Amino acid sequence: MQSYIKRRLSYIIFLFPLTTYVLKAQGNCDLMVEGSKERIACEYGRKAITFKQGSKQSQLLFDSAIAVNPDYAWAYYEKSVPFFKRGMLSEGVRLLNKAVALDPLSYLTYRAYWFSQHKSYERCRDDLEQYYAMEGAYAKNTPDGALDLKILLGIVYSELDLKQQAINQVEETISSYPSEAYLGPYDYHTLGVLYLKHEQYDQAKVALQKSLAYNEQFADTYYYLSLTEQSLGEINKAKDYILECLKRFDGKENGYSGYPLCFPVSRELAERQIEILKGLG
């Protein structure tokens, strides 16, 4: 996973220098006119981030920054983050809406991510489509760095029952990468699951096998390969794959499961698949 993050970060830096992005969001206080509202607000913000995120001290300092400079988008964004992390969506969105209104290029995608986390798929789609239609839009990932937001948009299309649009979105995103080095750990997994959901079983098998070649630790891919082989009438192969899935749930192989954005699998689902396959012979 670490090597993936490094590759994906290098991709982002190539498209848009990371230091420039950070300065745009946070503001470099030392470059601002001394005594100006921008400089004073920025210094409040710089002090706020020395405290624990979401603490009373940091929130009060961000309030002070906003009081001095109501157009300081980054302060609204930073103030919203702990609300999202604590599951307080409405309060987080209320604050983030102000950041988005002031600087949509920087903050639309963060709002879209949280809409997806709370299954507000239409709002997520609207934000991502608006972002990618904007001049200056560049490659962005989810906050954990694991998923290209264009892949997330494909997942959202699927959740909205826009079947072919979902597949097209993910196919086009993968084909847009400069090389396979920029693939994420869930890109081909997502494409394979979308093919499977839309009963394109041969394409699903190819994509999911590519996913395993890139990321053999992810239990969920074995589960979906089991479903695919079952649909193709290959019951023994389906059994082999579901056993590999369970090995990763049990810790018998180095693996993990349930990445929340990519059609997550639980142990209960895997055990149910075992019972279904037993009934098929």
Protein backbone atom coordinates (compact mmCIF):
# COMPACT_ATOMS: atom_id res chain seq x y z
CA MET A 1 0.00 0.00 0.00
CA GLN A 2 2.83 2.42 0.81
CA SER A 3 4.41 1.96 -2.61
CA TYR A 4 1.03 2.67 -4.21
CA ILE A 5 0.60 5.88 -2.22
CA LYS A 6 4.06 7.06 -3.26
CA ARG A 7 3.28 6.38 -6.92
CA ARG A 8 -0.08 8.12 -6.73
CA LEU A 9 1.40 11.13 -4.94
CA SER A 10 4.07 11.40 -7.62
CA TYR A 11 1.29 11.40 -10.21
CA ILE A 12 -0.50 14.24 -8.42
CA ILE A 13 2.71 16.23 -8.09
CA PHE A 14 3.41 15.71 -11.78
CA LEU A 15 0.00 17.11 -12.71
CA PHE A 16 -0.12 19.83 -10.09
CA PRO A 17 2.77 20.58 -7.71
CA LEU A 18 1.82 19.47 -4.22
CA THR A 19 3.51 22.43 -2.52
CA THR A 20 1.49 24.84 -4.66
CA TYR A 21 -1.74 23.06 -3.68
CA VAL A 22 -0.92 23.25 0.03
CA LEU A 23 -0.09 26.96 -0.16
CA LYS A 24 -3.26 27.66 -2.13
CA ALA A 25 -5.38 25.95 0.51
CA GLN A 26 -3.67 27.08 3.67
CA GLY A 27 -2.09 30.38 2.69
CA ASN A 28 1.51 31.42 3.30
CA CYS A 29 1.17 34.03 6.02
CA ASP A 30 4.67 35.41 5.52
CA LEU A 31 3.89 36.46 1.95
CA MET A 32 0.86 38.49 2.95
CA VAL A 33 0.80 42.22 3.72
CA GLU A 34 1.60 42.75 7.38
CA GLY A 35 -1.45 44.00 9.30
CA SER A 36 -3.89 43.04 6.53
CA LYS A 37 -7.00 40.99 7.34
CA GLU A 38 -5.59 38.16 5.23
CA ARG A 39 -2.33 38.11 7.22
CA ILE A 40 -4.06 38.29 10.61
CA ALA A 41 -6.55 35.54 9.71
CA CYS A 42 -3.77 33.38 8.31
CA GLU A 43 -1.79 33.69 11.53
CA TYR A 44 -4.83 32.64 13.54
CA GLY A 45 -5.12 29.61 11.26
CA ARG A 46 -1.43 28.79 11.56
CA LYS A 47 -1.75 28.83 15.35
CA ALA A 48 -4.97 26.75 15.22
CA ILE A 49 -3.25 23.80 13.56
CA THR A 50 -0.76 23.55 16.42
CA PHE A 51 -3.62 22.21 18.55
CA LYS A 52 -5.38 18.86 18.20
CA GLN A 53 -7.82 18.83 15.30
CA GLY A 54 -11.35 19.54 16.53
CA SER A 55 -10.18 20.76 19.92
CA LYS A 56 -11.84 23.77 21.50
CA GLN A 57 -8.63 25.80 21.12
CA SER A 58 -8.31 25.11 17.40
CA GLN A 59 -12.00 25.76 16.67
CA LEU A 60 -11.95 29.07 18.53
CA LEU A 61 -8.87 30.18 16.63
CA PHE A 62 -10.53 29.31 13.32
CA ASP A 63 -13.56 31.33 14.48
CA SER A 64 -11.21 34.26 15.07
CA ALA A 65 -9.70 33.84 11.61
CA ILE A 66 -13.16 33.87 10.03
CA ALA A 67 -14.23 36.88 12.08
CA VAL A 68 -11.25 38.83 10.74
CA ASN A 69 -11.55 37.53 7.17
CA PRO A 70 -14.95 36.01 6.27
CA ASP A 71 -13.55 35.04 2.82
CA TYR A 72 -10.91 32.68 4.25
CA ALA A 73 -12.08 29.42 2.64
CA TRP A 74 -9.42 27.24 4.23
CA ALA A 75 -10.59 28.16 7.74
CA TYR A 76 -14.15 27.00 6.98
CA TYR A 77 -12.75 23.78 5.52
CA GLU A 78 -10.50 23.05 8.50
CA LYS A 79 -13.32 23.84 10.91
CA SER A 80 -15.59 21.36 9.07
CA VAL A 81 -13.23 18.37 9.08
CA PRO A 82 -13.72 17.17 12.69
CA PHE A 83 -17.50 17.31 12.29
CA PHE A 84 -17.31 14.93 9.33
CA LYS A 85 -14.96 12.59 11.19
CA ARG A 86 -17.40 12.47 14.11
CA GLY A 87 -20.36 11.65 11.86
CA MET A 88 -21.94 15.12 12.18
CA LEU A 89 -22.67 15.49 8.47
CA SER A 90 -25.10 18.40 8.57
CA GLU A 91 -22.78 20.63 10.61
CA GLY A 92 -19.79 19.64 8.52
CA VAL A 93 -21.62 20.37 5.27
CA ARG A 94 -22.88 23.71 6.57
CA LEU A 95 -19.30 24.87 7.13
CA LEU A 96 -17.88 23.23 4.05
CA ASN A 97 -20.53 24.83 1.84
CA LYS A 98 -18.95 28.18 2.66
CA ALA A 99 -15.50 26.95 1.66
CA VAL A 100 -16.92 25.53 -1.57
CA ALA A 101 -18.67 28.79 -2.42
CA LEU A 102 -15.41 30.69 -1.95
CA ASP A 103 -13.06 28.17 -3.62
CA PRO A 104 -14.87 25.33 -5.42
CA LEU A 105 -11.73 24.07 -7.14
CA SER A 106 -10.15 23.23 -3.79
CA TYR A 107 -13.14 21.96 -1.82
CA LEU A 108 -15.85 20.52 -4.10
CA THR A 109 -14.19 17.12 -4.12
CA TYR A 110 -13.89 16.91 -0.35
CA ARG A 111 -17.61 17.58 -0.03
CA ALA A 112 -18.29 14.97 -2.72
CA TYR A 113 -16.29 12.39 -0.78
CA TRP A 114 -18.35 12.90 2.37
CA PHE A 115 -21.59 12.77 0.39
CA SER A 116 -20.46 9.36 -0.91
CA GLN A 117 -19.62 8.20 2.62
CA HIS A 118 -23.18 8.99 3.68
CA LYS A 119 -24.74 7.49 0.51
CA SER A 120 -25.88 10.87 -0.82
CA TYR A 121 -25.00 9.66 -4.29
CA GLU A 122 -26.80 12.29 -6.35
CA ARG A 123 -25.08 15.10 -4.44
CA CYS A 124 -21.73 13.34 -4.78
CA ARG A 125 -22.24 12.93 -8.52
CA ASP A 126 -23.24 16.57 -8.93
CA ASP A 127 -20.17 17.81 -7.07
CA LEU A 128 -17.74 15.58 -8.96
CA GLU A 129 -19.23 16.38 -12.34
CA GLN A 130 -19.10 20.08 -11.54
CA TYR A 131 -15.48 19.78 -10.44
CA TYR A 132 -14.27 17.91 -13.52
CA ALA A 133 -16.08 20.38 -15.78
CA MET A 134 -14.16 23.28 -14.21
CA GLU A 135 -11.16 24.88 -15.85
CA GLY A 136 -8.12 23.96 -13.82
CA ALA A 137 -9.49 20.67 -12.44
CA TYR A 138 -6.70 18.19 -11.77
CA ALA A 139 -6.25 14.62 -10.50
CA LYS A 140 -7.44 14.09 -6.94
CA ASN A 141 -7.85 11.08 -4.68
CA THR A 142 -9.99 10.25 -1.70
CA PRO A 143 -8.55 11.60 1.59
CA ASP A 144 -6.89 8.25 2.34
CA GLY A 145 -5.13 8.43 -1.04
CA ALA A 146 -6.37 5.00 -2.13
CA LEU A 147 -8.94 5.79 -4.82
CA ASP A 148 -8.94 8.17 -7.76
CA LEU A 149 -12.06 10.32 -7.47
CA LYS A 150 -12.88 9.57 -11.10
CA ILE A 151 -13.13 5.91 -10.08
CA LEU A 152 -15.40 6.98 -7.23
CA LEU A 153 -17.58 8.78 -9.76
CA GLY A 154 -17.98 5.48 -11.62
CA ILE A 155 -19.06 3.76 -8.39
CA VAL A 156 -21.57 6.53 -7.78
CA TYR A 157 -23.00 6.11 -11.29
CA SER A 158 -23.49 2.42 -10.51
CA GLU A 159 -25.26 3.20 -7.24
CA LEU A 160 -27.57 5.49 -9.23
CA ASP A 161 -28.24 2.58 -11.65
CA LEU A 162 -26.44 4.29 -14.54
CA LYS A 163 -24.94 0.99 -15.59
CA GLN A 164 -23.05 1.65 -18.80
CA GLN A 165 -22.05 5.13 -17.69
CA ALA A 166 -20.42 3.58 -14.61
CA ILE A 167 -18.40 1.11 -16.66
CA ASN A 168 -17.40 3.74 -19.21
CA GLN A 169 -16.24 6.10 -16.45
CA VAL A 170 -13.94 3.53 -14.85
CA GLU A 171 -12.64 2.18 -18.17
CA GLU A 172 -11.79 5.69 -19.37
CA THR A 173 -10.12 6.59 -16.08
CA ILE A 174 -7.87 3.53 -16.12
CA SER A 175 -6.96 4.07 -19.77
CA SER A 176 -6.06 7.71 -19.03
CA TYR A 177 -3.18 6.80 -16.69
CA PRO A 178 0.28 7.39 -18.18
CA SER A 179 1.25 3.80 -17.28
CA GLU A 180 0.18 0.88 -15.11
CA ALA A 181 2.40 2.30 -12.35
CA TYR A 182 -0.41 4.75 -11.61
CA LEU A 183 -3.05 2.11 -11.01
CA GLY A 184 -4.60 2.15 -7.56
CA PRO A 185 -5.23 -0.99 -5.47
CA TYR A 186 -8.98 -0.92 -6.22
CA ASP A 187 -9.17 0.28 -9.84
CA TYR A 188 -9.45 -3.06 -11.65
CA HIS A 189 -11.37 -4.47 -8.69
CA THR A 190 -14.01 -1.77 -9.17
CA LEU A 191 -14.16 -2.34 -12.92
CA GLY A 192 -14.56 -6.08 -12.40
CA VAL A 193 -17.38 -5.66 -9.90
CA LEU A 194 -19.17 -3.27 -12.26
CA TYR A 195 -18.94 -5.80 -15.09
CA LEU A 196 -20.23 -8.50 -12.74
CA LYS A 197 -23.15 -6.38 -11.56
CA HIS A 198 -24.13 -5.80 -15.16
CA GLU A 199 -23.78 -9.51 -16.08
CA GLN A 200 -20.72 -9.10 -18.31
CA TYR A 201 -19.05 -12.13 -16.76
CA ASP A 202 -16.14 -12.70 -19.13
CA GLN A 203 -15.08 -9.05 -18.82
CA ALA A 204 -15.54 -9.25 -15.04
CA LYS A 205 -13.21 -12.25 -14.82
CA VAL A 206 -10.47 -10.54 -16.81
CA ALA A 207 -10.66 -7.33 -14.78
CA LEU A 208 -10.75 -9.09 -11.41
CA GLN A 209 -7.80 -11.28 -12.33
CA LYS A 210 -5.89 -8.13 -13.27
CA SER A 211 -6.83 -6.75 -9.87
CA LEU A 212 -5.35 -9.81 -8.15
CA ALA A 213 -2.16 -9.49 -10.18
CA TYR A 214 -1.82 -5.96 -8.83
CA ASN A 215 -3.19 -6.44 -5.31
CA GLU A 216 -3.43 -10.05 -4.16
CA GLN A 217 -4.07 -9.09 -0.54
CA PHE A 218 -7.63 -7.81 -1.00
CA ALA A 219 -10.11 -10.48 0.16
CA ASP A 220 -13.06 -8.85 -1.59
CA THR A 221 -11.63 -9.48 -5.07
CA TYR A 222 -11.56 -13.24 -4.39
CA TYR A 223 -15.19 -13.06 -3.30
CA TYR A 224 -16.27 -11.37 -6.51
CA LEU A 225 -14.19 -13.77 -8.58
CA SER A 226 -16.07 -16.61 -6.85
CA LEU A 227 -19.38 -15.05 -7.87
CA THR A 228 -18.11 -14.57 -11.41
CA GLU A 229 -16.92 -18.17 -11.80
CA GLN A 230 -20.23 -19.38 -10.37
CA SER A 231 -22.09 -17.34 -13.00
CA LEU A 232 -19.87 -18.89 -15.67
CA GLY A 233 -20.68 -22.38 -14.39
CA GLU A 234 -17.17 -23.00 -13.03
CA ILE A 235 -18.18 -24.21 -9.56
CA ASN A 236 -14.81 -25.68 -8.54
CA LYS A 237 -13.01 -22.45 -9.42
CA ALA A 238 -15.68 -20.54 -7.54
CA LYS A 239 -14.95 -22.69 -4.46
CA ASP A 240 -11.21 -22.12 -4.77
CA TYR A 241 -11.65 -18.36 -4.88
CA ILE A 242 -14.00 -18.18 -1.90
CA LEU A 243 -11.59 -20.26 0.16
CA GLU A 244 -8.83 -17.79 -0.70
CA CYS A 245 -11.16 -15.01 0.39
CA LEU A 246 -11.77 -16.68 3.76
CA LYS A 247 -8.05 -17.26 4.30
CA ARG A 248 -7.61 -13.49 4.23
CA PHE A 249 -10.50 -12.97 6.61
CA ASP A 250 -8.92 -15.53 8.97
CA GLY A 251 -5.43 -14.06 8.76
CA LYS A 252 -4.00 -17.22 7.21
CA GLU A 253 -2.78 -15.08 4.32
CA ASN A 254 -1.54 -11.51 4.46
CA GLY A 255 -4.70 -9.64 3.50
CA TYR A 256 -7.51 -7.28 4.37
CA SER A 257 -11.13 -6.71 3.36
CA GLY A 258 -14.02 -4.32 3.28
CA TYR A 259 -12.65 -1.13 1.72
CA PRO A 260 -15.82 0.95 2.20
CA LEU A 261 -16.09 2.67 -1.18
CA CYS A 262 -15.68 -0.35 -3.47
CA PHE A 263 -18.67 -2.63 -2.82
CA PRO A 264 -17.31 -4.00 0.50
CA VAL A 265 -17.54 -7.66 1.48
CA SER A 266 -18.11 -9.05 4.97
CA ARG A 267 -17.21 -12.43 6.38
CA GLU A 268 -20.94 -13.17 6.58
CA LEU A 269 -21.26 -12.71 2.82
CA ALA A 270 -18.27 -14.96 2.19
CA GLU A 271 -19.67 -17.69 4.44
CA ARG A 272 -23.03 -17.44 2.68
CA GLN A 273 -21.26 -17.94 -0.65
CA ILE A 274 -19.61 -21.10 0.73
CA GLU A 275 -23.03 -22.53 1.61
CA ILE A 276 -24.46 -21.64 -1.82
CA LEU A 277 -21.58 -23.38 -3.57
CA LYS A 278 -21.96 -26.48 -1.37
CA GLY A 279 -25.54 -26.73 -2.60
CA LEU A 280 -24.34 -26.64 -6.21
CA GLY A 281 -22.17 -29.72 -5.81
